[in-house]
Amino acid sequence: MFDYDNAFSRNIGWITHEEKEIIKNTKIAIAGLGGAGGEHALTLARMGFQNFHFSDFDEFEVHNFNRQAGAFMSTVDRPKCTVMAEMVRDINPNAQVKEFPGGVTKDNVDDFFDGVDIYVDGIDFFALEARKTVYQKAQDKGIPNLLAAPIGMGVALAIFTKDSMSFDDYYQFSSSKNDEESYIKLLIGLAPVLMHRDYLVDPSSANFKEKRGPSTPMAIKLCSGLLCSNVLKLVLNRGDVVVAPKVTQFDGYKNKLVFPHLRWGNKGPIQRIKFGVAKKAVS
């Protein structure tokens, strides 16, 4: 027989009984449930969160096996949104998960954010329009917005809150001439320090035009640990949270932790140089 208090009793000590009740009643929206997003969902569920809005229009495929929490032979060709909702309910049968299996669009974004306290971004790197839609809505509603990107064997975490720099002031998407420029801005904004670059043994595996890139399971695990720790701090209102225009980068291969501070976002002179170099490299 499932019992919430018993299931998550080992969290007590790092959180109080009173904080457990806050977690229990917090609602989290996650868009994108493949790599990082799926891992976030399970980590948050094991922390005791039980109210979710899930969105993903994709299905699991064999090439997801190296990193995605819901990818198994038994789930191939099954909707990611449904599979991850089932897995969360398998951890906590009392979990309330509202599914948005068609993804988040301008038509349903208000419903997706209804009653939500925290937004967690698991959207595919190249899903630019969906990301802009949800970021704008989160910003309009003053909802904290967290993205932990798996890069190499590390993680880059960007957090936007009502008190941080806005997402467009930081990334400068609105000044992009095309999607390729926005992809570059997202990458250099998330990871101003390219720690992974000199251990990427096959640079051709990363291709903006073909919308593909290499990945590692270690990076996904690091993403979830870092992002979910910050979700906890935001929900419980304790502990420092690094928000834009600062980001957090950790590389497990390099054993290196940095906190780049882009005072002017991607509009700064050094970021503009990086943008120009990256644009030449992918053209």
C-alpha atoms as a PDB file:
ATOM      1  CA  MET A   1       0.000   0.000   0.000  1.00  0.00           C
ATOM      2  CA  PHE A   2       1.437   3.389  -1.027  1.00  0.00           C
ATOM      3  CA  ASP A   3       1.969   5.965   1.698  1.00  0.00           C
ATOM      4  CA  TYR A   4       3.339   9.397   0.708  1.00  0.00           C
ATOM      5  CA  ASP A   5       5.021  10.122   4.036  1.00  0.00           C
ATOM      6  CA  ASN A   6       6.778   6.751   4.086  1.00  0.00           C
ATOM      7  CA  ALA A   7       7.746   6.858   0.395  1.00  0.00           C
ATOM      8  CA  PHE A   8       9.603  10.149   0.779  1.00  0.00           C
ATOM      9  CA  SER A   9      10.624   9.906   4.428  1.00  0.00           C
ATOM     10  CA  ARG A  10      14.333   9.767   3.567  1.00  0.00           C
ATOM     11  CA  ASN A  11      14.101  13.321   2.216  1.00  0.00           C
ATOM     12  CA  ILE A  12      13.418  14.537   5.752  1.00  0.00           C
ATOM     13  CA  GLY A  13      16.577  15.955   7.266  1.00  0.00           C
ATOM     14  CA  TRP A  14      17.470  17.792   4.078  1.00  0.00           C
ATOM     15  CA  ILE A  15      13.990  19.268   4.176  1.00  0.00           C
ATOM     16  CA  THR A  16      11.626  19.734   7.124  1.00  0.00           C
ATOM     17  CA  HIS A  17       8.168  18.247   7.530  1.00  0.00           C
ATOM     18  CA  GLU A  18       6.731  21.699   6.885  1.00  0.00           C
ATOM     19  CA  GLU A  19       8.767  22.056   3.682  1.00  0.00           C
ATOM     20  CA  LYS A  20       7.570  18.610   2.590  1.00  0.00           C
ATOM     21  CA  GLU A  21       4.033  19.977   2.576  1.00  0.00           C
ATOM     22  CA  ILE A  22       5.100  22.906   0.380  1.00  0.00           C
ATOM     23  CA  ILE A  23       6.707  20.474  -2.074  1.00  0.00           C
ATOM     24  CA  LYS A  24       3.635  18.277  -2.004  1.00  0.00           C
ATOM     25  CA  ASN A  25       1.413  21.172  -3.099  1.00  0.00           C
ATOM     26  CA  THR A  26       3.702  22.827  -5.667  1.00  0.00           C
ATOM     27  CA  LYS A  27       2.825  22.487  -9.357  1.00  0.00           C
ATOM     28  CA  ILE A  28       5.614  22.123 -11.922  1.00  0.00           C
ATOM     29  CA  ALA A  29       5.313  22.335 -15.697  1.00  0.00           C
ATOM     30  CA  ILE A  30       7.846  20.464 -17.842  1.00  0.00           C
ATOM     31  CA  ALA A  31       7.933  20.901 -21.607  1.00  0.00           C
ATOM     32  CA  GLY A  32      10.036  18.258 -23.339  1.00  0.00           C
ATOM     33  CA  LEU A  33      10.355  14.842 -21.676  1.00  0.00           C
ATOM     34  CA  GLY A  34      13.162  13.227 -23.612  1.00  0.00           C
ATOM     35  CA  GLY A  35      16.706  13.570 -22.277  1.00  0.00           C
ATOM     36  CA  ALA A  36      17.003  16.150 -19.516  1.00  0.00           C
ATOM     37  CA  GLY A  37      13.256  16.737 -19.188  1.00  0.00           C
ATOM     38  CA  GLY A  38      12.452  13.089 -18.515  1.00  0.00           C
ATOM     39  CA  GLU A  39      15.218  12.840 -15.921  1.00  0.00           C
ATOM     40  CA  HIS A  40      13.956  16.023 -14.245  1.00  0.00           C
ATOM     41  CA  ALA A  41      10.444  14.568 -14.022  1.00  0.00           C
ATOM     42  CA  LEU A  42      11.602  11.434 -12.203  1.00  0.00           C
ATOM     43  CA  THR A  43      13.985  13.316  -9.890  1.00  0.00           C
ATOM     44  CA  LEU A  44      11.314  15.801  -8.889  1.00  0.00           C
ATOM     45  CA  ALA A  45       8.810  12.994  -8.338  1.00  0.00           C
ATOM     46  CA  ARG A  46      11.270  11.207  -6.024  1.00  0.00           C
ATOM     47  CA  MET A  47      11.734  14.462  -4.139  1.00  0.00           C
ATOM     48  CA  GLY A  48       8.013  14.398  -3.388  1.00  0.00           C
ATOM     49  CA  PHE A  49       6.622  16.773  -6.008  1.00  0.00           C
ATOM     50  CA  GLN A  50       3.346  15.357  -7.247  1.00  0.00           C
ATOM     51  CA  ASN A  51       1.541  18.009  -9.298  1.00  0.00           C
ATOM     52  CA  PHE A  52       2.716  18.286 -12.888  1.00  0.00           C
ATOM     53  CA  HIS A  53       1.889  19.524 -16.350  1.00  0.00           C
ATOM     54  CA  PHE A  54       3.794  17.463 -18.948  1.00  0.00           C
ATOM     55  CA  SER A  55       4.210  18.318 -22.608  1.00  0.00           C
ATOM     56  CA  ASP A  56       5.873  16.414 -25.451  1.00  0.00           C
ATOM     57  CA  PHE A  57       4.624  15.496 -28.926  1.00  0.00           C
ATOM     58  CA  ASP A  58       7.388  12.965 -29.670  1.00  0.00           C
ATOM     59  CA  GLU A  59       7.692   9.188 -29.302  1.00  0.00           C
ATOM     60  CA  PHE A  60      10.611   7.149 -27.977  1.00  0.00           C
ATOM     61  CA  GLU A  61      13.034   5.728 -30.534  1.00  0.00           C
ATOM     62  CA  VAL A  62      16.043   3.407 -30.298  1.00  0.00           C
ATOM     63  CA  HIS A  63      18.523   6.271 -30.754  1.00  0.00           C
ATOM     64  CA  ASN A  64      17.214   7.736 -27.468  1.00  0.00           C
ATOM     65  CA  PHE A  65      18.626   4.804 -25.468  1.00  0.00           C
ATOM     66  CA  ASN A  66      21.947   6.435 -24.578  1.00  0.00           C
ATOM     67  CA  ARG A  67      20.409   9.142 -22.380  1.00  0.00           C
ATOM     68  CA  GLN A  68      16.604   9.260 -22.043  1.00  0.00           C
ATOM     69  CA  ALA A  69      15.039   8.060 -18.789  1.00  0.00           C
ATOM     70  CA  GLY A  70      11.932   6.631 -20.434  1.00  0.00           C
ATOM     71  CA  ALA A  71      13.653   4.944 -23.386  1.00  0.00           C
ATOM     72  CA  PHE A  72      13.426   1.133 -23.279  1.00  0.00           C
ATOM     73  CA  MET A  73      12.593  -1.555 -25.800  1.00  0.00           C
ATOM     74  CA  SER A  74       9.176  -1.713 -24.158  1.00  0.00           C
ATOM     75  CA  THR A  75       8.544   2.007 -24.825  1.00  0.00           C
ATOM     76  CA  VAL A  76       9.775   2.328 -28.424  1.00  0.00           C
ATOM     77  CA  ASP A  77       7.108   4.082 -30.541  1.00  0.00           C
ATOM     78  CA  ARG A  78       5.165   5.058 -27.403  1.00  0.00           C
ATOM     79  CA  PRO A  79       4.468   8.765 -26.621  1.00  0.00           C
ATOM     80  CA  LYS A  80       7.072  10.284 -24.312  1.00  0.00           C
ATOM     81  CA  CYS A  81       4.431  12.326 -22.512  1.00  0.00           C
ATOM     82  CA  THR A  82       2.371   9.241 -21.645  1.00  0.00           C
ATOM     83  CA  VAL A  83       5.351   7.062 -20.696  1.00  0.00           C
ATOM     84  CA  MET A  84       6.838   9.637 -18.334  1.00  0.00           C
ATOM     85  CA  ALA A  85       3.450  10.302 -16.737  1.00  0.00           C
ATOM     86  CA  GLU A  86       3.115   6.546 -16.117  1.00  0.00           C
ATOM     87  CA  MET A  87       6.605   6.396 -14.601  1.00  0.00           C
ATOM     88  CA  VAL A  88       5.863   9.301 -12.259  1.00  0.00           C
ATOM     89  CA  ARG A  89       2.616   7.642 -11.186  1.00  0.00           C
ATOM     90  CA  ASP A  90       4.537   4.402 -10.638  1.00  0.00           C
ATOM     91  CA  ILE A  91       6.689   6.318  -8.137  1.00  0.00           C
ATOM     92  CA  ASN A  92       3.710   8.132  -6.617  1.00  0.00           C
ATOM     93  CA  PRO A  93       0.229   6.780  -7.431  1.00  0.00           C
ATOM     94  CA  ASN A  94      -1.244   9.984  -6.003  1.00  0.00           C
ATOM     95  CA  ALA A  95       0.589  12.158  -8.552  1.00  0.00           C
ATOM     96  CA  GLN A  96      -1.609  14.454 -10.610  1.00  0.00           C
ATOM     97  CA  VAL A  97      -0.194  14.750 -14.120  1.00  0.00           C
ATOM     98  CA  LYS A  98      -1.971  16.736 -16.806  1.00  0.00           C
ATOM     99  CA  GLU A  99      -0.667  15.757 -20.227  1.00  0.00           C
ATOM    100  CA  PHE A 100      -0.219  17.979 -23.277  1.00  0.00           C
ATOM    101  CA  PRO A 101       0.704  15.330 -25.878  1.00  0.00           C
ATOM    102  CA  GLY A 102       0.608  17.752 -28.793  1.00  0.00           C
ATOM    103  CA  GLY A 103       3.339  19.953 -27.337  1.00  0.00           C
ATOM    104  CA  VAL A 104       2.984  23.543 -26.154  1.00  0.00           C
ATOM    105  CA  THR A 105       1.612  26.000 -28.711  1.00  0.00           C
ATOM    106  CA  LYS A 106       0.253  29.522 -28.655  1.00  0.00           C
ATOM    107  CA  ASP A 107      -3.222  27.962 -28.491  1.00  0.00           C
ATOM    108  CA  ASN A 108      -2.660  25.965 -25.289  1.00  0.00           C
ATOM    109  CA  VAL A 109       0.170  27.794 -23.520  1.00  0.00           C
ATOM    110  CA  ASP A 110      -2.215  29.504 -21.080  1.00  0.00           C
ATOM    111  CA  ASP A 111      -3.682  26.137 -20.099  1.00  0.00           C
ATOM    112  CA  PHE A 112      -0.174  24.679 -19.804  1.00  0.00           C
ATOM    113  CA  PHE A 113       0.802  27.389 -17.285  1.00  0.00           C
ATOM    114  CA  ASP A 114      -2.501  27.390 -15.381  1.00  0.00           C
ATOM    115  CA  GLY A 115      -1.735  27.244 -11.645  1.00  0.00           C
ATOM    116  CA  VAL A 116       1.946  26.484 -12.290  1.00  0.00           C
ATOM    117  CA  ASP A 117       4.614  27.600  -9.792  1.00  0.00           C
ATOM    118  CA  ILE A 118       7.804  26.584 -11.631  1.00  0.00           C
ATOM    119  CA  TYR A 119       8.593  25.973 -15.303  1.00  0.00           C
ATOM    120  CA  VAL A 120      11.286  23.437 -16.247  1.00  0.00           C
ATOM    121  CA  ASP A 121      12.572  23.557 -19.816  1.00  0.00           C
ATOM    122  CA  GLY A 122      13.305  20.183 -21.416  1.00  0.00           C
ATOM    123  CA  ILE A 123      12.520  21.294 -24.969  1.00  0.00           C
ATOM    124  CA  ASP A 124      14.787  20.063 -27.755  1.00  0.00           C
ATOM    125  CA  PHE A 125      17.632  22.486 -28.470  1.00  0.00           C
ATOM    126  CA  PHE A 126      16.337  23.164 -31.984  1.00  0.00           C
ATOM    127  CA  ALA A 127      12.646  23.726 -31.070  1.00  0.00           C
ATOM    128  CA  LEU A 128      13.075  27.475 -31.188  1.00  0.00           C
ATOM    129  CA  GLU A 129       9.490  28.686 -31.619  1.00  0.00           C
ATOM    130  CA  ALA A 130       8.177  26.491 -28.807  1.00  0.00           C
ATOM    131  CA  ARG A 131      10.934  27.753 -26.515  1.00  0.00           C
ATOM    132  CA  LYS A 132      10.159  31.396 -27.313  1.00  0.00           C
ATOM    133  CA  THR A 133       6.451  30.801 -26.680  1.00  0.00           C
ATOM    134  CA  VAL A 134       6.882  29.222 -23.258  1.00  0.00           C
ATOM    135  CA  TYR A 135       9.649  31.599 -22.182  1.00  0.00           C
ATOM    136  CA  GLN A 136       7.503  34.624 -22.966  1.00  0.00           C
ATOM    137  CA  LYS A 137       4.521  33.197 -21.091  1.00  0.00           C
ATOM    138  CA  ALA A 138       6.633  32.275 -18.053  1.00  0.00           C
ATOM    139  CA  GLN A 139       8.091  35.778 -18.075  1.00  0.00           C
ATOM    140  CA  ASP A 140       4.666  37.410 -18.379  1.00  0.00           C
ATOM    141  CA  LYS A 141       3.396  35.373 -15.416  1.00  0.00           C
ATOM    142  CA  GLY A 142       6.524  35.858 -13.298  1.00  0.00           C
ATOM    143  CA  ILE A 143       7.093  32.107 -13.137  1.00  0.00           C
ATOM    144  CA  PRO A 144      10.712  30.942 -12.600  1.00  0.00           C
ATOM    145  CA  ASN A 145      12.077  29.312 -15.745  1.00  0.00           C
ATOM    146  CA  LEU A 146      15.001  26.862 -15.554  1.00  0.00           C
ATOM    147  CA  LEU A 147      17.006  25.234 -18.347  1.00  0.00           C
ATOM    148  CA  ALA A 148      19.843  22.789 -17.684  1.00  0.00           C
ATOM    149  CA  ALA A 149      21.521  21.937 -20.975  1.00  0.00           C
ATOM    150  CA  PRO A 150      23.650  18.785 -21.334  1.00  0.00           C
ATOM    151  CA  ILE A 151      26.878  19.872 -23.017  1.00  0.00           C
ATOM    152  CA  GLY A 152      29.645  17.335 -23.493  1.00  0.00           C
ATOM    153  CA  MET A 153      30.030  15.602 -20.143  1.00  0.00           C
ATOM    154  CA  GLY A 154      28.782  18.617 -18.268  1.00  0.00           C
ATOM    155  CA  VAL A 155      25.891  20.955 -17.695  1.00  0.00           C
ATOM    156  CA  ALA A 156      25.026  24.595 -18.265  1.00  0.00           C
ATOM    157  CA  LEU A 157      22.203  26.040 -16.154  1.00  0.00           C
ATOM    158  CA  ALA A 158      20.354  29.252 -16.978  1.00  0.00           C
ATOM    159  CA  ILE A 159      17.596  30.555 -14.699  1.00  0.00           C
ATOM    160  CA  PHE A 160      15.180  33.385 -15.386  1.00  0.00           C
ATOM    161  CA  THR A 161      12.946  34.843 -12.679  1.00  0.00           C
ATOM    162  CA  LYS A 162      10.866  38.000 -12.291  1.00  0.00           C
ATOM    163  CA  ASP A 163      13.951  39.667 -10.802  1.00  0.00           C
ATOM    164  CA  SER A 164      16.514  38.482 -13.368  1.00  0.00           C
ATOM    165  CA  MET A 165      17.477  39.806 -16.784  1.00  0.00           C
ATOM    166  CA  SER A 166      14.749  38.921 -19.301  1.00  0.00           C
ATOM    167  CA  PHE A 167      15.360  35.980 -21.613  1.00  0.00           C
ATOM    168  CA  ASP A 168      15.422  38.103 -24.778  1.00  0.00           C
ATOM    169  CA  ASP A 169      17.711  40.747 -23.306  1.00  0.00           C
ATOM    170  CA  TYR A 170      20.027  37.887 -22.399  1.00  0.00           C
ATOM    171  CA  TYR A 171      19.897  35.746 -25.571  1.00  0.00           C
ATOM    172  CA  GLN A 172      19.021  38.556 -28.025  1.00  0.00           C
ATOM    173  CA  PHE A 173      16.767  36.255 -30.068  1.00  0.00           C
ATOM    174  CA  SER A 174      14.708  39.172 -31.400  1.00  0.00           C
ATOM    175  CA  SER A 175      17.689  40.535 -33.342  1.00  0.00           C
ATOM    176  CA  SER A 176      18.379  37.224 -35.115  1.00  0.00           C
ATOM    177  CA  LYS A 177      18.024  37.195 -38.891  1.00  0.00           C
ATOM    178  CA  ASN A 178      17.212  33.476 -39.002  1.00  0.00           C
ATOM    179  CA  ASP A 179      16.904  30.370 -36.825  1.00  0.00           C
ATOM    180  CA  GLU A 180      20.566  29.473 -37.258  1.00  0.00           C
ATOM    181  CA  GLU A 181      21.596  32.737 -35.609  1.00  0.00           C
ATOM    182  CA  SER A 182      19.224  32.037 -32.712  1.00  0.00           C
ATOM    183  CA  TYR A 183      20.688  28.536 -32.260  1.00  0.00           C
ATOM    184  CA  ILE A 184      24.146  30.071 -31.997  1.00  0.00           C
ATOM    185  CA  LYS A 185      22.931  32.663 -29.489  1.00  0.00           C
ATOM    186  CA  LEU A 186      21.282  29.953 -27.386  1.00  0.00           C
ATOM    187  CA  LEU A 187      24.498  27.920 -27.336  1.00  0.00           C
ATOM    188  CA  ILE A 188      26.903  30.746 -26.511  1.00  0.00           C
ATOM    189  CA  GLY A 189      24.463  32.172 -23.971  1.00  0.00           C
ATOM    190  CA  LEU A 190      24.051  28.848 -22.190  1.00  0.00           C
ATOM    191  CA  ALA A 191      27.720  27.899 -22.367  1.00  0.00           C
ATOM    192  CA  PRO A 192      29.874  31.044 -22.606  1.00  0.00           C
ATOM    193  CA  VAL A 193      32.880  28.891 -21.639  1.00  0.00           C
ATOM    194  CA  LEU A 194      33.180  26.069 -24.165  1.00  0.00           C
ATOM    195  CA  MET A 195      34.874  23.593 -21.830  1.00  0.00           C
ATOM    196  CA  HIS A 196      33.753  20.606 -23.898  1.00  0.00           C
ATOM    197  CA  ARG A 197      35.312  21.781 -27.141  1.00  0.00           C
ATOM    198  CA  ASP A 198      38.757  20.169 -26.842  1.00  0.00           C
ATOM    199  CA  TYR A 199      37.478  16.682 -25.979  1.00  0.00           C
ATOM    200  CA  LEU A 200      34.916  16.528 -28.786  1.00  0.00           C
ATOM    201  CA  VAL A 201      36.687  13.873 -30.855  1.00  0.00           C
ATOM    202  CA  ASP A 202      34.424  14.231 -33.908  1.00  0.00           C
ATOM    203  CA  PRO A 203      33.313  17.830 -34.527  1.00  0.00           C
ATOM    204  CA  SER A 204      31.247  16.715 -37.530  1.00  0.00           C
ATOM    205  CA  SER A 205      28.827  15.009 -35.116  1.00  0.00           C
ATOM    206  CA  ALA A 206      27.474  18.467 -34.197  1.00  0.00           C
ATOM    207  CA  ASN A 207      25.582  19.941 -37.139  1.00  0.00           C
ATOM    208  CA  PHE A 208      23.203  22.905 -36.841  1.00  0.00           C
ATOM    209  CA  LYS A 209      21.906  22.539 -40.385  1.00  0.00           C
ATOM    210  CA  GLU A 210      20.918  18.902 -39.809  1.00  0.00           C
ATOM    211  CA  LYS A 211      19.689  19.726 -36.283  1.00  0.00           C
ATOM    212  CA  ARG A 212      21.697  17.044 -34.535  1.00  0.00           C
ATOM    213  CA  GLY A 213      24.424  16.786 -31.923  1.00  0.00           C
ATOM    214  CA  PRO A 214      26.163  14.188 -29.743  1.00  0.00           C
ATOM    215  CA  SER A 215      25.077  13.498 -26.159  1.00  0.00           C
ATOM    216  CA  THR A 216      26.129  11.594 -23.045  1.00  0.00           C
ATOM    217  CA  PRO A 217      24.107  10.043 -20.203  1.00  0.00           C
ATOM    218  CA  MET A 218      26.449  11.593 -17.619  1.00  0.00           C
ATOM    219  CA  ALA A 219      25.505  15.084 -18.754  1.00  0.00           C
ATOM    220  CA  ILE A 220      21.802  14.289 -18.363  1.00  0.00           C
ATOM    221  CA  LYS A 221      22.316  13.111 -14.774  1.00  0.00           C
ATOM    222  CA  LEU A 222      24.322  16.243 -13.956  1.00  0.00           C
ATOM    223  CA  CYS A 223      21.597  18.400 -15.493  1.00  0.00           C
ATOM    224  CA  SER A 224      18.930  16.910 -13.295  1.00  0.00           C
ATOM    225  CA  GLY A 225      20.958  17.124 -10.100  1.00  0.00           C
ATOM    226  CA  LEU A 226      21.779  20.787 -10.621  1.00  0.00           C
ATOM    227  CA  LEU A 227      18.414  21.936 -11.936  1.00  0.00           C
ATOM    228  CA  CYS A 228      16.280  20.077  -9.388  1.00  0.00           C
ATOM    229  CA  SER A 229      18.431  21.386  -6.519  1.00  0.00           C
ATOM    230  CA  ASN A 230      17.667  24.895  -7.707  1.00  0.00           C
ATOM    231  CA  VAL A 231      13.968  24.116  -8.126  1.00  0.00           C
ATOM    232  CA  LEU A 232      13.981  23.072  -4.476  1.00  0.00           C
ATOM    233  CA  LYS A 233      15.681  26.302  -3.399  1.00  0.00           C
ATOM    234  CA  LEU A 234      13.219  28.423  -5.369  1.00  0.00           C
ATOM    235  CA  VAL A 235      10.191  26.562  -4.037  1.00  0.00           C
ATOM    236  CA  LEU A 236      11.375  26.654  -0.427  1.00  0.00           C
ATOM    237  CA  ASN A 237      12.838  30.161  -0.704  1.00  0.00           C
ATOM    238  CA  ARG A 238      16.206  29.220   0.737  1.00  0.00           C
ATOM    239  CA  GLY A 239      19.728  29.192  -0.617  1.00  0.00           C
ATOM    240  CA  ASP A 240      21.356  31.331  -3.288  1.00  0.00           C
ATOM    241  CA  VAL A 241      20.160  30.899  -6.865  1.00  0.00           C
ATOM    242  CA  VAL A 242      22.341  32.049  -9.762  1.00  0.00           C
ATOM    243  CA  VAL A 243      20.089  33.866 -12.249  1.00  0.00           C
ATOM    244  CA  ALA A 244      20.620  35.621 -15.585  1.00  0.00           C
ATOM    245  CA  PRO A 245      22.792  37.388 -16.582  1.00  0.00           C
ATOM    246  CA  LYS A 246      24.896  34.848 -14.675  1.00  0.00           C
ATOM    247  CA  VAL A 247      24.883  31.163 -15.591  1.00  0.00           C
ATOM    248  CA  THR A 248      26.338  28.051 -13.968  1.00  0.00           C
ATOM    249  CA  GLN A 249      28.597  25.684 -15.900  1.00  0.00           C
ATOM    250  CA  PHE A 250      30.132  22.460 -14.635  1.00  0.00           C
ATOM    251  CA  ASP A 251      32.109  19.979 -16.695  1.00  0.00           C
ATOM    252  CA  GLY A 252      32.597  16.522 -15.199  1.00  0.00           C
ATOM    253  CA  TYR A 253      35.318  15.626 -17.698  1.00  0.00           C
ATOM    254  CA  LYS A 254      37.326  18.757 -16.917  1.00  0.00           C
ATOM    255  CA  ASN A 255      36.392  18.812 -13.208  1.00  0.00           C
ATOM    256  CA  LYS A 256      35.735  22.501 -13.648  1.00  0.00           C
ATOM    257  CA  LEU A 257      33.010  24.800 -12.279  1.00  0.00           C
ATOM    258  CA  VAL A 258      32.526  28.375 -13.532  1.00  0.00           C
ATOM    259  CA  PHE A 259      29.902  31.106 -13.163  1.00  0.00           C
ATOM    260  CA  PRO A 260      30.114  33.299 -16.287  1.00  0.00           C
ATOM    261  CA  HIS A 261      28.572  36.733 -15.869  1.00  0.00           C
ATOM    262  CA  LEU A 262      27.304  38.224 -19.141  1.00  0.00           C
ATOM    263  CA  ARG A 263      26.424  41.692 -17.910  1.00  0.00           C
ATOM    264  CA  TRP A 264      24.995  42.657 -21.308  1.00  0.00           C
ATOM    265  CA  GLY A 265      23.919  39.165 -22.344  1.00  0.00           C
ATOM    266  CA  ASN A 266      24.802  38.217 -25.901  1.00  0.00           C
ATOM    267  CA  LYS A 267      24.915  41.928 -26.730  1.00  0.00           C
ATOM    268  CA  GLY A 268      28.279  42.258 -24.970  1.00  0.00           C
ATOM    269  CA  PRO A 269      31.410  42.728 -27.111  1.00  0.00           C
ATOM    270  CA  ILE A 270      33.017  39.376 -26.251  1.00  0.00           C
ATOM    271  CA  GLN A 271      29.761  37.509 -26.936  1.00  0.00           C
ATOM    272  CA  ARG A 272      29.430  39.290 -30.285  1.00  0.00           C
ATOM    273  CA  ILE A 273      32.916  38.065 -31.200  1.00  0.00           C
ATOM    274  CA  LYS A 274      31.973  34.523 -30.195  1.00  0.00           C
ATOM    275  CA  PHE A 275      28.824  34.810 -32.281  1.00  0.00           C
ATOM    276  CA  GLY A 276      30.799  35.894 -35.347  1.00  0.00           C
ATOM    277  CA  VAL A 277      33.296  33.054 -34.958  1.00  0.00           C
ATOM    278  CA  ALA A 278      30.554  30.483 -34.459  1.00  0.00           C
ATOM    279  CA  LYS A 279      28.572  31.762 -37.425  1.00  0.00           C
ATOM    280  CA  LYS A 280      31.593  31.381 -39.706  1.00  0.00           C
ATOM    281  CA  ALA A 281      32.224  27.888 -38.343  1.00  0.00           C
ATOM    282  CA  VAL A 282      28.718  26.625 -39.151  1.00  0.00           C
ATOM    283  CA  SER A 283      28.255  28.429 -42.458  1.00  0.00           C
END
